[in-house]
Each structure stands twice: as C-alpha cells, then as structure tokens.
C-alpha cells in the first residue's frame, strides 16, 4: 500500500501521526505474511514530505519483509524445539510413571488364589489336590529336610 500524500487520503488524513507534531505526509507499507498465510504485521516507511516510489523501491520494501518473517519463524521453531527438548529431559529424570507406585504394594502381597471347592466326584475319589503335588518317595512322603 502506498499513499503518496496523506493529506489527500480521506481516511488517513485525520490520523494523529498526520495531524499531530510528527505530521506524516507519505506512507508505504507491505504485509509480513508467513508461508502458511498467517499475517504477522507490516513493514512500513513514513516521511514528512509527499513522495512517490518506483517499482524497484516497492520491490525492495517487500524484500525487507521477507527476512523479518524468516527470523520470526526461526525463533518460533527454536522455541518449539526447546520446549520438546525440555519435555524429553524431564521425562528422563523420572523414567517411571507415577501410577506404578500405587500398585506396588498389591504386587508384593499377591498370593495364589484359594482352591475351588471340590466337586462331588473329586471329593469321592480324593484324587484332586490343591497346590503343588507333595514329593513322595518309594514308601510314602519324604521326611522334611534334616537339620
């Protein structure tokens, strides 16, 4: 946007920069837009005298906006990377999930489930045992360990 003499612009001539102590008469601006279309602001040029600019000067003004946008995008990318790095490092300091501690006491006290009640057929034959089979020798149960 180029306004060669702001006094002839019906909208801008009432602006404080025109009517106040600065008394701007010339204004040229170009938008700063990211590659994905986000408008970040403008780069502008003002002067106290009316002026006209050439096509090369307009291109140069647009060219001034590009490095500013690149710098802002680079800063944003660096911030995102730093945030990810901090999250990664904070995760390395606490590798265990906090919820794991709640279940630890239950894991220590875990006992095998009780034996189910014997069925009538198994009770009659008495062949069903609960738990590991008892060690037997040639003549019956083996004595306990000798002391």
N, C-alpha and C. Protein backbone atom coordinates (compact mmCIF):
# COMPACT_ATOMS: atom_id res chain seq x y z
N UNK A 1 0.85 -1.17 0.00
CA UNK A 1 0.00 0.00 0.00
C UNK A 1 0.90 1.24 0.00
N UNK A 2 0.61 2.12 -0.89
CA UNK A 2 1.38 3.35 -0.98
C UNK A 2 0.41 4.53 -0.98
N UNK A 3 0.67 5.49 -0.09
CA UNK A 3 -0.11 6.73 -0.05
C UNK A 3 0.89 7.87 -0.26
N UNK A 4 0.96 8.42 -1.50
CA UNK A 4 1.97 9.44 -1.80
C UNK A 4 1.81 10.71 -0.97
N UNK A 5 0.55 11.16 -0.72
CA UNK A 5 0.32 12.35 0.11
C UNK A 5 -0.91 12.08 0.96
N UNK A 6 -0.69 11.92 2.23
CA UNK A 6 -1.76 11.51 3.14
C UNK A 6 -2.83 12.60 3.27
N UNK A 7 -2.48 13.84 3.04
CA UNK A 7 -3.49 14.90 3.16
C UNK A 7 -4.63 14.73 2.15
N UNK A 8 -4.39 13.98 1.07
CA UNK A 8 -5.43 13.75 0.07
C UNK A 8 -6.16 12.42 0.29
N UNK A 9 -5.78 11.68 1.34
CA UNK A 9 -6.46 10.41 1.64
C UNK A 9 -7.56 10.70 2.66
N UNK A 10 -8.83 10.44 2.32
CA UNK A 10 -9.93 10.81 3.21
C UNK A 10 -9.92 10.05 4.56
N UNK A 11 -9.39 8.86 4.57
CA UNK A 11 -9.39 8.06 5.81
C UNK A 11 -8.20 8.42 6.69
N UNK A 12 -7.00 8.47 6.11
CA UNK A 12 -5.78 8.64 6.89
C UNK A 12 -5.49 10.07 7.30
N UNK A 13 -6.09 11.06 6.67
CA UNK A 13 -5.70 12.44 6.98
C UNK A 13 -6.12 12.89 8.38
N UNK A 14 -7.02 12.17 9.02
CA UNK A 14 -7.42 12.52 10.38
C UNK A 14 -6.59 11.79 11.43
N UNK A 15 -5.63 10.98 11.01
CA UNK A 15 -4.81 10.19 11.95
C UNK A 15 -3.90 11.12 12.75
N UNK A 16 -3.58 10.73 13.98
CA UNK A 16 -2.77 11.53 14.88
C UNK A 16 -1.35 11.77 14.33
N UNK A 17 -0.80 10.80 13.61
CA UNK A 17 0.54 10.99 13.04
C UNK A 17 0.54 12.06 11.94
N UNK A 18 -0.62 12.31 11.36
CA UNK A 18 -0.73 13.33 10.30
C UNK A 18 -1.06 14.68 10.91
N UNK A 19 -1.97 14.71 11.84
CA UNK A 19 -2.41 15.97 12.43
C UNK A 19 -1.57 16.42 13.62
N UNK A 20 -0.82 15.49 14.24
CA UNK A 20 -0.03 15.81 15.42
C UNK A 20 1.32 16.42 15.08
N UNK A 21 2.24 16.43 16.05
CA UNK A 21 3.55 17.07 15.86
C UNK A 21 4.43 16.39 14.81
N UNK A 22 4.21 15.11 14.52
CA UNK A 22 5.06 14.41 13.54
C UNK A 22 4.72 14.85 12.12
N UNK A 23 3.47 15.01 11.80
CA UNK A 23 2.95 15.45 10.50
C UNK A 23 3.46 14.60 9.34
N UNK A 24 3.12 13.33 9.38
CA UNK A 24 3.50 12.40 8.31
C UNK A 24 2.69 12.75 7.06
N UNK A 25 3.38 12.74 5.90
CA UNK A 25 2.70 13.03 4.63
C UNK A 25 2.78 11.87 3.66
N UNK A 26 3.79 11.01 3.79
CA UNK A 26 3.98 9.88 2.88
C UNK A 26 3.95 8.59 3.69
N UNK A 27 3.31 7.55 3.11
CA UNK A 27 3.23 6.26 3.79
C UNK A 27 3.27 5.15 2.75
N UNK A 28 4.14 4.16 2.98
CA UNK A 28 4.19 2.96 2.13
C UNK A 28 4.37 1.77 3.07
N UNK A 29 3.64 0.68 2.79
CA UNK A 29 3.69 -0.49 3.67
C UNK A 29 3.54 -1.77 2.86
N UNK A 30 4.08 -2.84 3.41
CA UNK A 30 3.92 -4.17 2.82
C UNK A 30 3.64 -5.15 3.96
N UNK A 31 2.77 -6.13 3.74
CA UNK A 31 2.45 -7.07 4.82
C UNK A 31 3.55 -8.10 5.05
N UNK A 32 3.66 -8.55 6.29
CA UNK A 32 4.55 -9.67 6.63
C UNK A 32 3.65 -10.89 6.82
N UNK A 33 3.71 -11.79 5.87
CA UNK A 33 2.84 -12.96 5.87
C UNK A 33 3.70 -14.22 5.82
N UNK A 34 3.40 -15.20 6.68
CA UNK A 34 4.15 -16.45 6.70
C UNK A 34 3.80 -17.29 5.49
N UNK A 35 4.57 -18.35 5.29
CA UNK A 35 4.33 -19.24 4.16
C UNK A 35 2.97 -19.92 4.21
N UNK A 36 2.45 -20.12 5.43
CA UNK A 36 1.14 -20.77 5.54
C UNK A 36 0.00 -19.76 5.67
N UNK A 37 0.27 -18.47 5.38
CA UNK A 37 -0.79 -17.48 5.26
C UNK A 37 -1.10 -16.68 6.51
N UNK A 38 -0.35 -16.82 7.58
CA UNK A 38 -0.60 -16.03 8.79
C UNK A 38 -0.02 -14.63 8.63
N UNK A 39 -0.84 -13.65 8.89
CA UNK A 39 -0.43 -12.24 8.79
C UNK A 39 0.19 -11.82 10.12
N UNK A 40 1.48 -11.44 10.10
CA UNK A 40 2.19 -11.09 11.32
C UNK A 40 2.22 -9.59 11.60
N UNK A 41 2.08 -8.80 10.58
CA UNK A 41 2.15 -7.35 10.75
C UNK A 41 2.56 -6.71 9.44
N UNK A 42 3.17 -5.50 9.54
CA UNK A 42 3.59 -4.79 8.33
C UNK A 42 4.99 -4.21 8.52
N UNK A 43 5.63 -3.97 7.40
CA UNK A 43 6.86 -3.18 7.36
C UNK A 43 6.45 -1.91 6.62
N UNK A 44 6.69 -0.77 7.27
CA UNK A 44 6.25 0.48 6.63
C UNK A 44 7.34 1.53 6.63
N UNK A 45 7.14 2.51 5.74
CA UNK A 45 8.04 3.64 5.59
C UNK A 45 7.17 4.89 5.65
N UNK A 46 7.63 5.89 6.45
CA UNK A 46 6.89 7.16 6.56
C UNK A 46 7.85 8.31 6.33
N UNK A 47 7.30 9.39 5.86
CA UNK A 47 8.12 10.58 5.64
C UNK A 47 7.25 11.82 5.86
N UNK A 48 7.92 12.93 6.19
CA UNK A 48 7.18 14.17 6.45
C UNK A 48 6.94 14.97 5.17
N UNK A 49 7.44 14.44 4.03
CA UNK A 49 7.22 15.10 2.74
C UNK A 49 6.48 14.14 1.81
N UNK A 50 5.62 14.65 0.94
CA UNK A 50 4.95 13.78 -0.04
C UNK A 50 6.00 13.17 -0.97
N UNK A 51 5.83 11.89 -1.34
CA UNK A 51 6.79 11.21 -2.21
C UNK A 51 6.07 10.23 -3.12
N UNK A 52 6.78 9.80 -4.13
CA UNK A 52 6.36 8.70 -5.00
C UNK A 52 7.48 7.68 -4.99
N UNK A 53 7.13 6.39 -5.10
CA UNK A 53 8.17 5.38 -5.15
C UNK A 53 8.13 4.65 -6.47
N UNK A 54 9.27 4.13 -6.86
CA UNK A 54 9.38 3.37 -8.11
C UNK A 54 9.02 1.91 -7.84
N UNK A 55 8.91 1.16 -8.90
CA UNK A 55 8.62 -0.27 -8.78
C UNK A 55 9.76 -0.98 -8.05
N UNK A 56 11.01 -0.56 -8.33
CA UNK A 56 12.16 -1.16 -7.64
C UNK A 56 12.12 -0.88 -6.13
N UNK A 57 11.71 0.31 -5.75
CA UNK A 57 11.61 0.64 -4.33
C UNK A 57 10.49 -0.15 -3.65
N UNK A 58 9.39 -0.35 -4.36
CA UNK A 58 8.29 -1.16 -3.82
C UNK A 58 8.74 -2.61 -3.64
N UNK A 59 9.52 -3.11 -4.61
CA UNK A 59 10.06 -4.48 -4.51
C UNK A 59 11.04 -4.57 -3.34
N UNK A 60 11.85 -3.55 -3.16
CA UNK A 60 12.80 -3.53 -2.04
C UNK A 60 12.06 -3.53 -0.70
N UNK A 61 10.96 -2.79 -0.62
CA UNK A 61 10.17 -2.77 0.61
C UNK A 61 9.59 -4.15 0.90
N UNK A 62 9.09 -4.81 -0.12
CA UNK A 62 8.59 -6.18 0.04
C UNK A 62 9.73 -7.11 0.44
N UNK A 63 10.90 -6.89 -0.14
CA UNK A 63 12.07 -7.69 0.20
C UNK A 63 12.52 -7.51 1.65
N UNK A 64 12.24 -6.36 2.23
CA UNK A 64 12.57 -6.15 3.65
C UNK A 64 11.69 -6.99 4.57
N UNK A 65 10.49 -7.29 4.14
CA UNK A 65 9.57 -8.07 4.98
C UNK A 65 9.99 -9.53 5.05
N UNK A 66 10.55 -10.06 3.97
CA UNK A 66 10.88 -11.49 3.92
C UNK A 66 11.87 -11.93 5.00
N UNK A 67 13.01 -11.25 5.21
CA UNK A 67 13.91 -11.70 6.27
C UNK A 67 13.32 -11.56 7.68
N UNK A 68 12.45 -10.58 7.86
CA UNK A 68 11.80 -10.43 9.17
C UNK A 68 10.90 -11.64 9.44
N UNK A 69 10.12 -12.02 8.45
CA UNK A 69 9.25 -13.20 8.59
C UNK A 69 10.10 -14.45 8.82
N UNK A 70 11.19 -14.59 8.08
CA UNK A 70 12.07 -15.75 8.25
C UNK A 70 12.63 -15.80 9.68
N UNK A 71 13.04 -14.66 10.19
CA UNK A 71 13.60 -14.60 11.54
C UNK A 71 12.55 -14.96 12.60
N UNK A 72 11.35 -14.45 12.43
CA UNK A 72 10.28 -14.77 13.39
C UNK A 72 9.91 -16.25 13.34
N UNK A 73 9.86 -16.83 12.14
CA UNK A 73 9.57 -18.26 12.02
C UNK A 73 10.70 -19.10 12.61
N UNK A 74 11.94 -18.66 12.44
CA UNK A 74 13.07 -19.37 13.02
C UNK A 74 13.02 -19.33 14.54
N UNK A 75 12.67 -18.19 15.10
CA UNK A 75 12.53 -18.09 16.56
C UNK A 75 11.42 -19.01 17.07
N UNK A 76 10.31 -19.05 16.37
CA UNK A 76 9.21 -19.91 16.77
C UNK A 76 9.63 -21.38 16.72
N UNK A 77 10.32 -21.75 15.66
CA UNK A 77 10.80 -23.12 15.53
C UNK A 77 11.78 -23.47 16.65
N UNK A 78 12.68 -22.55 16.99
CA UNK A 78 13.64 -22.79 18.07
C UNK A 78 12.93 -22.93 19.41
N UNK A 79 11.90 -22.13 19.65
CA UNK A 79 11.14 -22.25 20.89
C UNK A 79 10.45 -23.60 20.99
N UNK A 80 9.85 -24.04 19.89
CA UNK A 80 9.17 -25.34 19.89
C UNK A 80 10.17 -26.47 20.15
N UNK A 81 11.33 -26.38 19.53
CA UNK A 81 12.35 -27.41 19.72
C UNK A 81 12.84 -27.42 21.17
N UNK A 82 13.05 -26.26 21.73
CA UNK A 82 13.50 -26.16 23.12
C UNK A 82 12.45 -26.74 24.07
N UNK A 83 11.19 -26.46 23.79
CA UNK A 83 10.11 -27.00 24.63
C UNK A 83 10.08 -28.52 24.55
N UNK A 84 10.23 -29.08 23.34
CA UNK A 84 10.26 -30.55 23.19
C UNK A 84 11.46 -31.15 23.90
N UNK A 85 12.60 -30.47 23.81
CA UNK A 85 13.81 -30.96 24.46
C UNK A 85 13.64 -30.96 25.98
N UNK A 86 13.05 -29.92 26.52
CA UNK A 86 12.80 -29.86 27.98
C UNK A 86 11.87 -30.97 28.41
N UNK A 87 10.83 -31.23 27.64
CA UNK A 87 9.92 -32.31 27.98
C UNK A 87 10.63 -33.66 27.93
N UNK A 88 11.48 -33.84 26.96
CA UNK A 88 12.22 -35.09 26.84
C UNK A 88 13.14 -35.27 28.03
N UNK A 89 13.88 -34.22 28.39
CA UNK A 89 14.81 -34.32 29.52
C UNK A 89 14.07 -34.47 30.84
N UNK A 90 12.94 -33.84 30.99
CA UNK A 90 12.19 -34.01 32.24
C UNK A 90 11.65 -35.43 32.32
N UNK A 91 11.35 -36.05 31.21
CA UNK A 91 10.90 -37.45 31.20
C UNK A 91 12.03 -38.39 31.55
N UNK A 92 13.28 -38.06 31.20
CA UNK A 92 14.40 -38.91 31.52
C UNK A 92 14.73 -38.87 33.00
N UNK A 93 14.46 -37.78 33.67
CA UNK A 93 14.72 -37.69 35.10
C UNK A 93 13.75 -38.54 35.90
N UNK A 94 12.56 -38.74 35.37
CA UNK A 94 11.54 -39.54 36.04
C UNK A 94 11.08 -40.65 35.10
N UNK A 95 11.91 -41.70 34.92
CA UNK A 95 11.55 -42.70 33.92
C UNK A 95 10.33 -43.53 34.30
N UNK A 96 10.06 -43.70 35.61
CA UNK A 96 8.91 -44.50 36.00
C UNK A 96 7.65 -43.65 36.00
N UNK A 97 6.56 -44.19 35.52
CA UNK A 97 5.31 -43.44 35.65
C UNK A 97 4.90 -43.39 37.12
N UNK A 98 4.30 -42.32 37.53
CA UNK A 98 3.94 -42.16 38.93
C UNK A 98 2.88 -43.16 39.38
N UNK A 99 2.03 -43.60 38.49
CA UNK A 99 0.97 -44.52 38.88
C UNK A 99 1.52 -45.89 39.24
N UNK A 100 2.73 -46.20 38.82
CA UNK A 100 3.29 -47.52 39.09
C UNK A 100 3.43 -47.77 40.58
N UNK A 101 3.76 -46.75 41.36
CA UNK A 101 3.94 -46.90 42.79
C UNK A 101 2.66 -47.28 43.52
N UNK A 102 1.52 -46.90 43.00
CA UNK A 102 0.26 -47.23 43.66
C UNK A 102 0.00 -48.73 43.66
N UNK A 103 0.48 -49.43 42.64
CA UNK A 103 0.18 -50.86 42.53
C UNK A 103 1.25 -51.74 43.15
N UNK A 104 2.38 -51.18 43.51
CA UNK A 104 3.48 -51.97 44.06
C UNK A 104 3.07 -52.74 45.32
N UNK A 105 2.39 -52.15 46.31
CA UNK A 105 2.01 -52.93 47.49
C UNK A 105 1.11 -54.12 47.13
N UNK A 106 0.26 -53.95 46.15
CA UNK A 106 -0.62 -55.06 45.76
C UNK A 106 0.18 -56.17 45.10
N UNK A 107 1.22 -55.81 44.37
CA UNK A 107 2.03 -56.83 43.73
C UNK A 107 2.83 -57.62 44.75
N UNK A 108 3.27 -57.00 45.82
CA UNK A 108 4.04 -57.70 46.84
C UNK A 108 3.17 -58.69 47.61
N UNK A 109 1.94 -58.34 47.87
CA UNK A 109 1.06 -59.18 48.67
C UNK A 109 0.30 -60.22 47.85
N UNK A 110 0.63 -60.35 46.62
CA UNK A 110 -0.13 -61.25 45.77
C UNK A 110 0.08 -62.69 46.20
N UNK A 111 -0.99 -63.38 46.42
CA UNK A 111 -0.95 -64.78 46.81
C UNK A 111 -1.72 -65.57 45.76
N UNK A 112 -1.44 -66.87 45.68
CA UNK A 112 -2.22 -67.65 44.72
C UNK A 112 -3.69 -67.67 45.14
N UNK A 113 -4.58 -67.78 44.22
CA UNK A 113 -6.00 -67.80 44.57
C UNK A 113 -6.32 -69.06 45.38
N UNK A 114 -7.32 -68.97 46.23
CA UNK A 114 -7.68 -70.16 47.00
C UNK A 114 -8.20 -71.26 46.09
N UNK A 115 -8.08 -72.49 46.59
CA UNK A 115 -8.56 -73.64 45.81
C UNK A 115 -10.07 -73.60 45.71
N UNK A 116 -10.59 -73.98 44.55
CA UNK A 116 -12.05 -74.03 44.44
C UNK A 116 -12.57 -75.21 45.25
N UNK A 117 -13.80 -75.13 45.68
CA UNK A 117 -14.34 -76.27 46.42
C UNK A 117 -14.36 -77.51 45.51
N UNK A 118 -14.04 -78.68 46.05
CA UNK A 118 -14.00 -79.88 45.20
C UNK A 118 -15.40 -80.25 44.73
N UNK A 119 -15.42 -80.79 43.53
CA UNK A 119 -16.70 -81.28 43.01
C UNK A 119 -17.06 -82.57 43.74
N UNK A 120 -18.34 -82.97 43.72
CA UNK A 120 -18.72 -84.20 44.44
C UNK A 120 -17.96 -85.42 43.95
N UNK A 121 -17.67 -85.53 42.65
CA UNK A 121 -16.94 -86.68 42.11
C UNK A 121 -15.50 -86.68 42.63
N UNK A 122 -14.86 -85.50 42.64
CA UNK A 122 -13.48 -85.42 43.09
C UNK A 122 -13.39 -85.68 44.59
N UNK A 123 -14.39 -85.23 45.36
CA UNK A 123 -14.37 -85.46 46.80
C UNK A 123 -14.48 -86.95 47.09
N UNK A 124 -15.25 -87.68 46.27
CA UNK A 124 -15.42 -89.12 46.49
C UNK A 124 -14.13 -89.87 46.18
N UNK A 125 -13.41 -89.47 45.13
CA UNK A 125 -12.19 -90.19 44.77
C UNK A 125 -10.97 -89.66 45.50
N UNK A 126 -11.04 -88.49 46.05
CA UNK A 126 -9.96 -87.81 46.76
C UNK A 126 -8.68 -87.72 45.93
N UNK A 127 -8.83 -87.63 44.62
CA UNK A 127 -7.66 -87.54 43.76
C UNK A 127 -7.27 -86.09 43.45
N UNK A 128 -8.14 -85.19 43.76
CA UNK A 128 -7.86 -83.80 43.46
C UNK A 128 -7.14 -83.17 44.63
N UNK A 129 -6.00 -82.56 44.33
CA UNK A 129 -5.27 -81.84 45.37
C UNK A 129 -5.12 -80.40 44.94
N UNK A 130 -4.99 -79.55 45.88
CA UNK A 130 -4.80 -78.14 45.59
C UNK A 130 -3.36 -77.80 45.89
N UNK A 131 -2.73 -77.03 45.05
CA UNK A 131 -1.35 -76.65 45.27
C UNK A 131 -0.41 -77.63 44.59
N UNK A 132 0.89 -77.47 44.82
CA UNK A 132 1.85 -78.35 44.14
C UNK A 132 1.77 -79.76 44.72
N UNK A 133 2.06 -80.76 43.91
CA UNK A 133 1.99 -82.14 44.41
C UNK A 133 3.07 -82.37 45.45
N UNK A 134 2.73 -83.16 46.47
CA UNK A 134 3.69 -83.47 47.53
C UNK A 134 4.73 -84.44 46.99
N UNK A 135 5.96 -84.24 47.42
CA UNK A 135 7.03 -85.15 46.99
C UNK A 135 6.87 -86.47 47.71
N UNK A 136 6.92 -87.53 46.98
CA UNK A 136 6.78 -88.86 47.60
C UNK A 136 7.98 -89.70 47.25
N UNK A 137 8.35 -90.53 48.21
CA UNK A 137 9.45 -91.46 48.00
C UNK A 137 8.90 -92.84 47.69
N UNK A 138 9.75 -93.88 47.74
CA UNK A 138 9.26 -95.22 47.44
C UNK A 138 8.27 -95.73 48.46
N UNK A 139 8.28 -95.28 49.69
CA UNK A 139 7.37 -95.81 50.69
C UNK A 139 6.40 -94.78 51.20
N UNK A 140 6.38 -93.60 50.68
CA UNK A 140 5.44 -92.58 51.15
C UNK A 140 6.08 -91.21 51.11
N UNK A 141 5.48 -90.32 51.86
CA UNK A 141 6.02 -88.96 51.82
C UNK A 141 7.43 -88.92 52.37
N UNK A 142 8.25 -88.09 51.75
CA UNK A 142 9.64 -87.98 52.19
C UNK A 142 9.69 -87.11 53.43
N UNK A 143 10.63 -87.42 54.34
CA UNK A 143 10.73 -86.57 55.53
C UNK A 143 11.24 -85.18 55.16
N UNK A 144 11.03 -84.24 56.00
CA UNK A 144 11.49 -82.88 55.74
C UNK A 144 13.01 -82.83 55.73
N UNK A 145 13.55 -81.72 55.43
CA UNK A 145 15.00 -81.60 55.39
C UNK A 145 15.60 -81.86 56.76
N UNK A 146 16.72 -82.54 56.79
CA UNK A 146 17.37 -82.87 58.05
C UNK A 146 18.18 -81.66 58.52
N UNK A 147 18.19 -81.53 59.83
CA UNK A 147 18.89 -80.38 60.38
C UNK A 147 20.05 -80.78 61.17
